[in-house]
Amino acid sequence: MMKTLLVTATLAVLAAPAFAQVTSAPPTAAPPAAAPAQPAADFAGIDADKSGTLTIAEVKLADATVTQADFDKADADKSKSLSKAEFDKWHASMKKGDKASAPG
């Protein structure tokens, strides 16, 4: 009886470090702000400087697949920034699958 108790206690002490280890989740890539070929729908969330317009840099932070051609096509007034109305119109067309720079 004493031998069994001693063996069990020894095994518990030796196994304790294995049970105490914390497994970490594998590193994950930065979460995408939007699915490829679709900009994020949250205009205010993309507008990092809270200027009320979006620059190409702000849009690319939200969706790295956006090209300069996509942005220029959406920028109707050629102001080098997108107003909320321009963004909404562009986002609606992106939902339909009309990528501005799609070859064709």
C-alpha atoms as a PDB file:
ATOM      1  CA  MET A   1       0.000   0.000   0.000  1.00  0.00           C
ATOM      2  CA  MET A   2       2.760   2.413   0.947  1.00  0.00           C
ATOM      3  CA  LYS A   3       4.666   1.523  -2.252  1.00  0.00           C
ATOM      4  CA  THR A   4       1.606   2.309  -4.426  1.00  0.00           C
ATOM      5  CA  LEU A   5       1.082   5.605  -2.634  1.00  0.00           C
ATOM      6  CA  LEU A   6       4.747   6.537  -3.093  1.00  0.00           C
ATOM      7  CA  VAL A   7       4.708   5.665  -6.826  1.00  0.00           C
ATOM      8  CA  THR A   8       1.481   7.609  -7.364  1.00  0.00           C
ATOM      9  CA  ALA A   9       2.827  10.658  -5.543  1.00  0.00           C
ATOM     10  CA  THR A  10       6.089  10.522  -7.513  1.00  0.00           C
ATOM     11  CA  LEU A  11       4.233  10.310 -10.823  1.00  0.00           C
ATOM     12  CA  ALA A  12       1.981  13.215  -9.832  1.00  0.00           C
ATOM     13  CA  VAL A  13       4.997  15.363  -8.950  1.00  0.00           C
ATOM     14  CA  LEU A  14       6.770  14.478 -12.193  1.00  0.00           C
ATOM     15  CA  ALA A  15       3.652  15.098 -14.294  1.00  0.00           C
ATOM     16  CA  ALA A  16       2.769  18.439 -12.691  1.00  0.00           C
ATOM     17  CA  PRO A  17       4.997  20.565 -15.008  1.00  0.00           C
ATOM     18  CA  ALA A  18       3.352  19.008 -18.070  1.00  0.00           C
ATOM     19  CA  PHE A  19      -0.092  19.944 -16.793  1.00  0.00           C
ATOM     20  CA  ALA A  20       1.031  23.433 -15.829  1.00  0.00           C
ATOM     21  CA  GLN A  21       2.236  24.377 -19.319  1.00  0.00           C
ATOM     22  CA  VAL A  22       0.117  26.938 -21.083  1.00  0.00           C
ATOM     23  CA  THR A  23      -0.293  26.384 -24.778  1.00  0.00           C
ATOM     24  CA  SER A  24      -0.345  29.552 -26.790  1.00  0.00           C
ATOM     25  CA  ALA A  25      -2.491  30.009 -29.820  1.00  0.00           C
ATOM     26  CA  PRO A  26      -0.578  30.001 -33.079  1.00  0.00           C
ATOM     27  CA  PRO A  27       0.260  33.485 -34.328  1.00  0.00           C
ATOM     28  CA  THR A  28      -2.407  34.862 -36.577  1.00  0.00           C
ATOM     29  CA  ALA A  29      -2.106  37.318 -39.392  1.00  0.00           C
ATOM     30  CA  ALA A  30      -3.649  40.737 -39.004  1.00  0.00           C
ATOM     31  CA  PRO A  31      -7.376  40.405 -39.433  1.00  0.00           C
ATOM     32  CA  PRO A  32      -8.527  41.695 -42.756  1.00  0.00           C
ATOM     33  CA  ALA A  33     -10.762  44.718 -42.554  1.00  0.00           C
ATOM     34  CA  ALA A  34     -12.793  43.488 -45.490  1.00  0.00           C
ATOM     35  CA  ALA A  35     -12.996  40.595 -47.847  1.00  0.00           C
ATOM     36  CA  PRO A  36     -10.740  40.954 -50.867  1.00  0.00           C
ATOM     37  CA  ALA A  37     -12.263  43.082 -53.613  1.00  0.00           C
ATOM     38  CA  GLN A  38     -14.624  44.796 -51.167  1.00  0.00           C
ATOM     39  CA  PRO A  39     -13.713  47.814 -49.039  1.00  0.00           C
ATOM     40  CA  ALA A  40     -14.898  47.932 -45.463  1.00  0.00           C
ATOM     41  CA  ALA A  41     -18.390  49.375 -45.156  1.00  0.00           C
ATOM     42  CA  ASP A  42     -17.590  51.519 -42.128  1.00  0.00           C
ATOM     43  CA  PHE A  43     -16.631  54.930 -43.535  1.00  0.00           C
ATOM     44  CA  ALA A  44     -16.033  56.417 -40.073  1.00  0.00           C
ATOM     45  CA  GLY A  45     -13.873  53.468 -39.090  1.00  0.00           C
ATOM     46  CA  ILE A  46     -11.671  53.876 -42.157  1.00  0.00           C
ATOM     47  CA  ASP A  47     -11.383  57.664 -41.781  1.00  0.00           C
ATOM     48  CA  ALA A  48      -8.357  57.501 -39.451  1.00  0.00           C
ATOM     49  CA  ASP A  49      -7.758  61.262 -39.276  1.00  0.00           C
ATOM     50  CA  LYS A  50     -11.499  62.025 -38.918  1.00  0.00           C
ATOM     51  CA  SER A  51     -11.344  64.539 -41.764  1.00  0.00           C
ATOM     52  CA  GLY A  52     -14.643  63.440 -43.307  1.00  0.00           C
ATOM     53  CA  THR A  53     -12.890  62.175 -46.434  1.00  0.00           C
ATOM     54  CA  LEU A  54     -10.829  59.090 -47.241  1.00  0.00           C
ATOM     55  CA  THR A  55      -7.377  59.153 -48.777  1.00  0.00           C
ATOM     56  CA  ILE A  56      -5.928  56.274 -50.773  1.00  0.00           C
ATOM     57  CA  ALA A  57      -3.701  55.450 -47.785  1.00  0.00           C
ATOM     58  CA  GLU A  58      -6.686  55.147 -45.443  1.00  0.00           C
ATOM     59  CA  VAL A  59      -8.543  52.941 -47.910  1.00  0.00           C
ATOM     60  CA  LYS A  60      -5.492  50.719 -48.440  1.00  0.00           C
ATOM     61  CA  LEU A  61      -5.177  50.243 -44.682  1.00  0.00           C
ATOM     62  CA  ALA A  62      -8.714  48.865 -44.689  1.00  0.00           C
ATOM     63  CA  ASP A  63      -8.322  46.809 -47.885  1.00  0.00           C
ATOM     64  CA  ALA A  64      -4.859  46.197 -49.298  1.00  0.00           C
ATOM     65  CA  THR A  65      -6.298  44.921 -52.593  1.00  0.00           C
ATOM     66  CA  VAL A  66      -7.592  48.367 -53.599  1.00  0.00           C
ATOM     67  CA  THR A  67      -5.588  49.850 -56.448  1.00  0.00           C
ATOM     68  CA  GLN A  68      -5.005  53.446 -57.414  1.00  0.00           C
ATOM     69  CA  ALA A  69      -7.223  52.839 -60.458  1.00  0.00           C
ATOM     70  CA  ASP A  70     -10.067  51.668 -58.191  1.00  0.00           C
ATOM     71  CA  PHE A  71      -9.685  54.750 -56.037  1.00  0.00           C
ATOM     72  CA  ASP A  72      -9.445  57.159 -58.992  1.00  0.00           C
ATOM     73  CA  LYS A  73     -12.560  55.698 -60.578  1.00  0.00           C
ATOM     74  CA  ALA A  74     -14.499  56.190 -57.332  1.00  0.00           C
ATOM     75  CA  ASP A  75     -13.150  59.739 -56.871  1.00  0.00           C
ATOM     76  CA  ALA A  76     -15.761  61.429 -59.074  1.00  0.00           C
ATOM     77  CA  ASP A  77     -14.664  65.007 -58.332  1.00  0.00           C
ATOM     78  CA  LYS A  78     -10.929  64.156 -58.701  1.00  0.00           C
ATOM     79  CA  SER A  79     -10.150  65.660 -55.294  1.00  0.00           C
ATOM     80  CA  LYS A  80      -7.697  62.838 -54.438  1.00  0.00           C
ATOM     81  CA  SER A  81     -10.054  61.845 -51.598  1.00  0.00           C
ATOM     82  CA  LEU A  82     -13.412  60.128 -51.293  1.00  0.00           C
ATOM     83  CA  SER A  83     -16.383  61.833 -49.731  1.00  0.00           C
ATOM     84  CA  LYS A  84     -18.931  59.718 -47.873  1.00  0.00           C
ATOM     85  CA  ALA A  85     -21.230  59.842 -50.907  1.00  0.00           C
ATOM     86  CA  GLU A  86     -18.448  58.732 -53.274  1.00  0.00           C
ATOM     87  CA  PHE A  87     -17.465  55.956 -50.892  1.00  0.00           C
ATOM     88  CA  ASP A  88     -21.054  54.748 -50.487  1.00  0.00           C
ATOM     89  CA  LYS A  89     -21.564  54.647 -54.252  1.00  0.00           C
ATOM     90  CA  TRP A  90     -18.269  52.814 -54.738  1.00  0.00           C
ATOM     91  CA  HIS A  91     -18.994  50.371 -51.921  1.00  0.00           C
ATOM     92  CA  ALA A  92     -22.423  49.586 -53.397  1.00  0.00           C
ATOM     93  CA  SER A  93     -20.844  48.814 -56.764  1.00  0.00           C
ATOM     94  CA  MET A  94     -18.218  46.619 -55.074  1.00  0.00           C
ATOM     95  CA  LYS A  95     -20.963  44.563 -53.407  1.00  0.00           C
ATOM     96  CA  LYS A  96     -22.315  43.791 -56.860  1.00  0.00           C
ATOM     97  CA  GLY A  97     -18.899  42.449 -57.831  1.00  0.00           C
ATOM     98  CA  ASP A  98     -17.935  45.307 -60.174  1.00  0.00           C
ATOM     99  CA  LYS A  99     -14.223  45.673 -59.445  1.00  0.00           C
ATOM    100  CA  ALA A 100     -13.085  48.929 -61.049  1.00  0.00           C
ATOM    101  CA  SER A 101      -9.737  47.560 -62.128  1.00  0.00           C
ATOM    102  CA  ALA A 102     -10.938  44.136 -63.199  1.00  0.00           C
ATOM    103  CA  PRO A 103      -9.464  43.112 -66.521  1.00  0.00           C
ATOM    104  CA  GLY A 104     -11.967  42.693 -69.248  1.00  0.00           C
END
